Amino acid sequence: MKHRPILFIAAIAFFIYSCQNKTQNTGADITISPESGTNFKAGDAVNIKVSYPSPVKPDSIVYLLDSVRLSSKKDSSAFSFKTDTMPLGARVITAKVYQGGKSQDASTNIVLMAAKEPEEMTYRIEKTYPHDTSAYTEGLLYQDGYLYETTGTPGHSDLRKVDLATGKVVQRVKLDAKYFGEGSAIVGDKIVMLTWKDKVGFVFDKNTFKLLNTFTNNVGAEGWGMANDGKKLYMDDSTNRIWFLDKNDYHQTGFIDVYDDKGPIQQVNELEYIDGKLYANVYTTDTILVINPKTGAVLQRINMANLWPNSKRPADFDKTNNVLNGIAWDAKGRRLFVTGKKWPFIYQVSFVKK
């Protein structure tokens, strides 16, 4: 009998503690929709709804998209935002529920894809030029009557200046045998060249091919293709991501992710910037993509099959590795050139609707 008051007091204390503890942990009951992983098309409105238990009386709810503030509301009524100009890919949505000077977060993520299917295109061959079959083409550029080509494989990687009409190499500088050369871009009077997995970039004088300097390239998984729009460099890395680099010191300034209306396009490779759009090979395929450089949306898909027909290739030709790769644009002459790794031809082509 003498223990009843003590047990009663203990029970009351436990009840009070439980109520307090439940109030402090209501964040676990705050939810947000849409469901994580939901797909949207560019242009769709995304409706966000936050739900929470009745003890929660928010002072405000602040909505963030990838840590950038979108808006705020006083209650849980639905909030909507537009996606028509947003870069594509995975986006994180967070609702910060403020109450009594403290906040509790609820997050979800969506995947934003291209609004419509890419326009399907094909090609027309305008002219054919010779190409050195020792060149494992990684980057291809055109300026002032010459092609500038960067090649890969250790011991054979180089930067070369090529006479378009004859295919003859008129100037060359080789990389150290340990490096696997990759894509390149002309920046003023310089040529910037990537390496594959070495995390090193090279800067050459465009006229003399003298090595001016090297830089550490820690952007992305690997070094693949490169292009220049006059204001910044674009670089891809074996994934569906295209990075933006400062054209003077090569640090990362942003990125886009490449998507069509079905999902991400992996292994975006050699790049060229033409009339406000990015053109890119898709590695190991006969496909060239035209990409919106602001959003990553695939606008057109060009099927380059049979550009160099299999029936005309040598029986021992390694078609698994020596694939379509290389896009160069003659801005003055409005000519487009494409080739492949160790191919005997460079093709001047135009793209046409199917």
Protein backbone atom coordinates (compact mmCIF):
# COMPACT_ATOMS: atom_id res chain seq x y z
CA MET A 1 0.00 0.00 0.00
CA LYS A 2 2.79 2.47 0.85
CA HIS A 3 4.11 2.35 -2.79
CA ARG A 4 0.90 3.59 -4.47
CA PRO A 5 1.63 7.36 -4.23
CA ILE A 6 5.10 6.83 -5.66
CA LEU A 7 3.78 4.72 -8.54
CA PHE A 8 1.04 7.28 -9.25
CA ILE A 9 3.53 10.18 -9.36
CA ALA A 10 5.84 8.17 -11.60
CA ALA A 11 2.97 7.44 -13.98
CA ILE A 12 2.03 11.13 -14.19
CA ALA A 13 5.67 12.08 -14.84
CA PHE A 14 5.97 9.47 -17.60
CA PHE A 15 2.77 10.75 -19.23
CA ILE A 16 4.02 14.35 -19.22
CA TYR A 17 7.42 13.29 -20.59
CA SER A 18 5.77 11.26 -23.34
CA CYS A 19 3.61 14.19 -24.45
CA GLN A 20 6.60 16.52 -24.50
CA ASN A 21 8.72 14.02 -26.38
CA LYS A 22 5.96 13.47 -28.99
CA THR A 23 5.75 17.20 -29.61
CA GLN A 24 9.51 17.51 -30.07
CA ASN A 25 9.63 14.70 -32.64
CA THR A 26 6.68 15.60 -34.84
CA GLY A 27 9.22 16.13 -37.67
CA ALA A 28 9.10 12.39 -38.23
CA ASP A 29 5.41 12.77 -39.17
CA ILE A 30 5.90 15.60 -41.67
CA THR A 31 5.55 14.32 -45.24
CA ILE A 32 5.87 15.89 -48.68
CA SER A 33 4.55 14.95 -52.08
CA PRO A 34 5.12 14.18 -54.96
CA GLU A 35 6.58 10.77 -54.17
CA SER A 36 10.34 10.49 -54.45
CA GLY A 37 11.49 9.55 -57.96
CA THR A 38 8.40 10.84 -59.77
CA ASN A 39 9.08 11.73 -63.42
CA PHE A 40 7.97 15.01 -64.97
CA LYS A 41 8.33 16.47 -68.46
CA ALA A 42 9.80 19.93 -68.94
CA GLY A 43 6.89 22.38 -68.94
CA ASP A 44 4.85 20.38 -66.42
CA ALA A 45 3.77 22.13 -63.24
CA VAL A 46 5.00 20.39 -60.08
CA ASN A 47 2.45 20.53 -57.26
CA ILE A 48 3.92 20.22 -53.77
CA LYS A 49 1.86 19.29 -50.75
CA VAL A 50 3.13 19.16 -47.16
CA SER A 51 1.23 17.21 -44.51
CA TYR A 52 1.80 17.25 -40.76
CA PRO A 53 -0.03 16.20 -37.56
CA SER A 54 -2.45 18.51 -35.81
CA PRO A 55 -0.08 19.52 -32.96
CA VAL A 56 2.13 21.26 -35.53
CA LYS A 57 1.13 24.90 -36.02
CA PRO A 58 3.65 26.28 -38.50
CA ASP A 59 4.64 29.91 -38.51
CA SER A 60 5.71 29.45 -42.13
CA ILE A 61 6.75 26.81 -44.67
CA VAL A 62 9.70 27.63 -46.93
CA TYR A 63 10.12 25.68 -50.16
CA LEU A 64 13.55 25.03 -51.68
CA LEU A 65 14.63 23.52 -54.99
CA ASP A 66 18.20 22.19 -54.84
CA SER A 67 18.79 24.44 -51.81
CA VAL A 68 17.57 27.54 -53.67
CA ARG A 69 14.53 29.25 -52.15
CA LEU A 70 11.41 29.04 -54.28
CA SER A 71 8.68 30.51 -52.08
CA SER A 72 7.07 30.46 -48.64
CA LYS A 73 3.54 30.00 -47.30
CA LYS A 74 1.80 30.28 -43.95
CA ASP A 75 -0.01 26.96 -44.19
CA SER A 76 0.04 23.58 -45.91
CA SER A 77 -2.00 24.56 -48.95
CA ALA A 78 -0.50 23.21 -52.17
CA PHE A 79 2.38 25.06 -53.78
CA SER A 80 3.19 24.81 -57.48
CA PHE A 81 6.17 25.75 -59.64
CA LYS A 82 6.85 25.65 -63.39
CA THR A 83 9.60 23.66 -65.07
CA ASP A 84 9.66 24.93 -68.66
CA THR A 85 13.10 26.58 -68.48
CA MET A 86 14.76 24.40 -65.85
CA PRO A 87 17.80 22.19 -66.49
CA LEU A 88 16.79 18.54 -66.72
CA GLY A 89 17.62 15.71 -64.35
CA ALA A 90 17.19 14.88 -60.68
CA ARG A 91 16.01 17.81 -58.54
CA VAL A 92 15.62 17.86 -54.76
CA ILE A 93 12.58 19.60 -53.24
CA THR A 94 12.66 20.53 -49.57
CA ALA A 95 9.97 22.02 -47.32
CA LYS A 96 11.26 23.68 -44.16
CA VAL A 97 8.43 23.84 -41.61
CA TYR A 98 9.11 26.62 -39.07
CA GLN A 99 7.49 26.63 -35.64
CA GLY A 100 8.61 28.52 -32.57
CA GLY A 101 11.89 29.57 -34.08
CA LYS A 102 12.83 26.00 -35.06
CA SER A 103 12.51 24.19 -38.38
CA GLN A 104 11.81 20.63 -39.42
CA ASP A 105 12.57 19.47 -42.97
CA ALA A 106 10.79 17.14 -45.35
CA SER A 107 12.39 16.35 -48.71
CA THR A 108 11.63 14.50 -51.91
CA ASN A 109 13.16 14.35 -55.39
CA ILE A 110 11.80 14.42 -58.90
CA VAL A 111 13.31 13.64 -62.30
CA LEU A 112 12.74 16.22 -65.03
CA MET A 113 12.95 14.90 -68.60
CA ALA A 114 12.68 16.48 -72.05
CA ALA A 115 9.22 17.70 -73.02
CA LYS A 116 9.03 15.81 -76.29
CA GLU A 117 10.70 13.10 -78.32
CA PRO A 118 13.77 14.26 -80.29
CA GLU A 119 13.29 14.96 -83.97
CA GLU A 120 14.71 12.01 -85.92
CA MET A 121 17.20 13.03 -88.61
CA THR A 122 19.50 11.40 -91.13
CA TYR A 123 22.43 12.70 -93.20
CA ARG A 124 23.58 13.50 -96.69
CA ILE A 125 27.25 13.19 -97.71
CA GLU A 126 28.39 16.37 -99.46
CA LYS A 127 32.06 15.52 -99.93
CA THR A 128 34.70 13.04 -98.78
CA TYR A 129 38.28 13.79 -97.68
CA PRO A 130 41.17 11.46 -96.74
CA HIS A 131 41.92 10.75 -93.07
CA ASP A 132 44.99 9.21 -91.46
CA THR A 133 44.06 5.69 -90.34
CA SER A 134 46.60 5.85 -87.50
CA ALA A 135 44.57 8.61 -85.83
CA TYR A 136 42.47 7.33 -82.92
CA THR A 137 40.31 10.44 -83.08
CA GLU A 138 39.17 12.01 -79.80
CA GLY A 139 38.80 15.70 -80.61
CA LEU A 140 38.23 17.28 -84.03
CA LEU A 141 38.30 21.02 -84.75
CA TYR A 142 38.37 23.22 -87.84
CA GLN A 143 39.75 26.70 -88.24
CA ASP A 144 41.31 28.75 -91.04
CA GLY A 145 41.53 25.94 -93.58
CA TYR A 146 42.94 23.26 -91.29
CA LEU A 147 41.67 20.50 -89.05
CA TYR A 148 43.09 20.31 -85.54
CA GLU A 149 42.84 16.77 -84.22
CA THR A 150 43.65 15.27 -80.84
CA THR A 151 44.17 11.52 -80.63
CA GLY A 152 44.19 8.85 -77.94
CA THR A 153 45.90 5.67 -76.73
CA PRO A 154 49.11 5.79 -74.65
CA GLY A 155 52.25 6.21 -76.72
CA HIS A 156 50.26 7.44 -79.72
CA SER A 157 48.38 10.43 -78.29
CA ASP A 158 49.06 13.72 -79.98
CA LEU A 159 47.83 17.09 -81.19
CA ARG A 160 48.03 17.46 -84.95
CA LYS A 161 47.30 20.06 -87.60
CA VAL A 162 45.93 18.44 -90.75
CA ASP A 163 45.49 19.65 -94.31
CA LEU A 164 41.83 18.94 -95.04
CA ALA A 165 42.23 18.35 -98.77
CA THR A 166 45.09 15.86 -98.54
CA GLY A 167 44.72 14.43 -95.03
CA LYS A 168 48.43 15.06 -94.47
CA VAL A 169 49.67 16.01 -91.01
CA VAL A 170 51.53 19.32 -91.34
CA GLN A 171 52.29 19.88 -87.66
CA ARG A 172 52.29 17.60 -84.63
CA VAL A 173 53.24 17.38 -80.97
CA LYS A 174 53.11 14.09 -79.08
CA LEU A 175 52.09 13.65 -75.47
CA ASP A 176 54.23 11.74 -73.02
CA ALA A 177 53.69 8.01 -73.60
CA LYS A 178 51.87 7.59 -70.28
CA TYR A 179 48.98 9.86 -71.32
CA PHE A 180 45.78 8.93 -73.15
CA GLY A 181 44.75 12.02 -75.10
CA GLU A 182 41.11 13.08 -75.31
CA GLY A 183 38.92 15.95 -76.51
CA SER A 184 40.04 19.49 -77.23
CA ALA A 185 38.86 23.03 -77.90
CA ILE A 186 40.30 26.17 -79.46
CA VAL A 187 40.28 29.14 -77.08
CA GLY A 188 41.65 32.22 -78.82
CA ASP A 189 45.23 31.44 -79.80
CA LYS A 190 45.37 28.33 -77.59
CA ILE A 191 44.30 24.71 -77.84
CA VAL A 192 43.11 23.08 -74.63
CA MET A 193 43.39 19.28 -74.55
CA LEU A 194 42.06 16.76 -72.03
CA THR A 195 43.40 13.38 -70.95
CA TRP A 196 41.21 10.36 -70.20
CA LYS A 197 41.91 9.22 -66.63
CA ASP A 198 45.08 11.14 -65.77
CA LYS A 199 43.27 14.23 -64.41
CA VAL A 200 45.66 16.44 -66.42
CA GLY A 201 44.88 19.00 -69.09
CA PHE A 202 47.31 20.57 -71.57
CA VAL A 203 47.34 24.07 -73.04
CA PHE A 204 49.21 24.55 -76.33
CA ASP A 205 49.96 27.59 -78.44
CA LYS A 206 47.73 27.11 -81.50
CA ASN A 207 50.35 28.40 -83.94
CA THR A 208 53.58 26.86 -82.64
CA PHE A 209 52.14 23.86 -80.71
CA LYS A 210 54.44 24.85 -77.85
CA LEU A 211 53.18 23.54 -74.51
CA LEU A 212 52.24 26.63 -72.50
CA ASN A 213 51.10 24.97 -69.31
CA THR A 214 49.23 22.07 -67.75
CA PHE A 215 46.36 22.08 -65.27
CA THR A 216 44.74 19.66 -62.88
CA ASN A 217 41.34 18.52 -64.11
CA ASN A 218 39.33 17.05 -61.23
CA VAL A 219 35.97 17.81 -62.86
CA GLY A 220 33.81 14.77 -63.56
CA ALA A 221 34.53 11.07 -63.65
CA GLU A 222 36.90 11.18 -66.64
CA GLY A 223 38.00 13.53 -69.40
CA TRP A 224 36.15 12.94 -72.70
CA GLY A 225 34.90 15.60 -75.13
CA MET A 226 35.29 19.38 -75.10
CA ALA A 227 33.80 22.39 -76.90
CA ASN A 228 33.88 26.18 -76.66
CA ASP A 229 31.00 28.63 -77.17
CA GLY A 230 33.21 31.71 -76.88
CA LYS A 231 32.25 32.34 -73.26
CA LYS A 232 32.85 29.00 -71.56
CA LEU A 233 34.04 25.48 -72.19
CA TYR A 234 31.89 22.37 -72.16
CA MET A 235 33.33 19.04 -71.02
CA ASP A 236 31.77 15.59 -70.70
CA ASP A 237 33.01 12.70 -68.61
CA SER A 238 31.52 9.33 -69.77
CA THR A 239 28.12 9.92 -68.14
CA ASN A 240 25.12 12.00 -69.25
CA ARG A 241 26.60 15.10 -67.61
CA ILE A 242 28.15 18.01 -69.50
CA TRP A 243 30.20 20.31 -67.28
CA PHE A 244 30.78 24.04 -67.74
CA LEU A 245 34.38 25.21 -67.30
CA ASP A 246 35.87 28.66 -67.07
CA LYS A 247 37.73 29.16 -70.36
CA ASN A 248 40.67 30.87 -68.66
CA ASP A 249 41.47 28.73 -65.63
CA TYR A 250 39.28 25.64 -66.32
CA HIS A 251 37.49 25.46 -62.98
CA GLN A 252 33.93 24.12 -62.92
CA THR A 253 31.16 26.72 -63.11
CA GLY A 254 28.04 24.56 -63.62
CA PHE A 255 26.62 21.64 -65.57
CA ILE A 256 23.65 20.18 -67.43
CA ASP A 257 22.44 16.59 -67.59
CA VAL A 258 21.47 15.21 -71.01
CA TYR A 259 17.95 13.74 -71.21
CA ASP A 260 15.47 12.90 -73.90
CA ASP A 261 11.79 12.28 -73.19
CA LYS A 262 12.54 8.73 -71.96
CA GLY A 263 15.48 9.29 -69.63
CA PRO A 264 19.21 10.08 -69.42
CA ILE A 265 21.57 9.56 -72.38
CA GLN A 266 24.84 8.09 -71.14
CA GLN A 267 28.31 8.20 -72.71
CA VAL A 268 27.97 11.58 -74.38
CA ASN A 269 31.35 11.99 -76.06
CA GLU A 270 32.98 14.30 -78.63
CA LEU A 271 31.42 17.76 -78.56
CA GLU A 272 31.01 20.69 -80.95
CA TYR A 273 29.17 23.98 -80.38
CA ILE A 274 27.25 25.05 -83.50
CA ASP A 275 24.83 27.97 -83.78
CA GLY A 276 23.80 27.97 -80.13
CA LYS A 277 23.48 24.20 -79.73
CA LEU A 278 25.75 21.34 -78.67
CA TYR A 279 26.39 18.46 -81.06
CA ALA A 280 27.66 15.23 -79.50
CA ASN A 281 28.60 11.71 -80.47
CA VAL A 282 27.16 8.96 -78.29
CA TYR A 283 30.10 6.63 -77.72
CA THR A 284 30.06 3.21 -79.48
CA THR A 285 26.91 4.15 -81.43
CA ASP A 286 26.08 5.62 -84.84
CA THR A 287 24.21 8.46 -83.17
CA ILE A 288 24.85 12.20 -83.01
CA LEU A 289 22.70 14.30 -80.69
CA VAL A 290 21.75 17.97 -80.89
CA ILE A 291 21.41 19.25 -77.32
CA ASN A 292 20.00 22.39 -75.73
CA PRO A 293 23.04 23.75 -73.81
CA LYS A 294 20.85 25.47 -71.22
CA THR A 295 18.61 22.57 -70.21
CA GLY A 296 20.29 19.38 -71.50
CA ALA A 297 17.24 18.41 -73.58
CA VAL A 298 17.95 16.34 -76.70
CA LEU A 299 16.38 18.27 -79.57
CA GLN A 300 17.41 16.08 -82.51
CA ARG A 301 18.85 12.61 -82.99
CA ILE A 302 20.82 11.87 -86.16
CA ASN A 303 21.28 8.27 -87.28
CA MET A 304 24.70 8.06 -88.97
CA ALA A 305 24.50 4.33 -89.76
CA ASN A 306 26.35 3.24 -92.92
CA LEU A 307 28.32 6.49 -93.15
CA TRP A 308 31.29 4.21 -93.75
CA PRO A 309 29.49 0.97 -94.66
CA ASN A 310 30.58 -2.25 -92.94
CA SER A 311 30.69 -3.94 -96.33
CA LYS A 312 33.54 -1.61 -97.37
CA ARG A 313 35.64 -2.02 -94.24
CA PRO A 314 38.65 -4.36 -94.10
CA ALA A 315 37.88 -7.81 -92.73
CA ASP A 316 40.26 -7.28 -89.78
CA PHE A 317 38.99 -3.79 -88.94
CA ASP A 318 38.26 -3.40 -85.21
CA LYS A 319 34.77 -1.92 -85.45
CA THR A 320 34.17 -2.45 -81.72
CA ASN A 321 36.76 0.17 -80.74
CA ASN A 322 37.18 2.21 -83.91
CA VAL A 323 33.76 3.82 -83.77
CA LEU A 324 32.19 7.00 -85.07
CA ASN A 325 33.83 9.91 -83.25
CA GLY A 326 34.74 13.43 -84.28
CA ILE A 327 32.65 16.49 -85.18
CA ALA A 328 34.14 19.69 -86.57
CA TRP A 329 32.39 22.86 -87.73
CA ASP A 330 33.62 25.37 -90.29
CA ALA A 331 31.77 28.44 -89.05
CA LYS A 332 32.79 30.65 -91.99
CA GLY A 333 32.08 28.12 -94.72
CA ARG A 334 29.08 26.58 -92.94
CA ARG A 335 30.50 23.07 -93.37
CA LEU A 336 30.16 20.14 -90.98
CA PHE A 337 32.75 17.36 -90.83
CA VAL A 338 32.51 13.98 -89.11
CA THR A 339 34.78 10.96 -88.90
CA GLY A 340 35.63 7.94 -86.77
CA LYS A 341 38.58 6.45 -84.91
CA LYS A 342 41.12 5.19 -87.44
CA TRP A 343 38.67 5.74 -90.29
CA PRO A 344 40.14 6.41 -93.76
CA PHE A 345 37.73 9.26 -94.51
CA ILE A 346 36.46 12.53 -93.16
CA TYR A 347 32.95 13.24 -94.39
CA GLN A 348 31.45 16.64 -95.05
CA VAL A 349 27.78 16.08 -94.28
CA SER A 350 24.50 17.90 -93.86
CA PHE A 351 21.70 16.72 -91.61
CA VAL A 352 18.23 16.29 -93.13
CA LYS A 353 14.85 15.17 -91.89
CA LYS A 354 13.94 11.55 -92.38
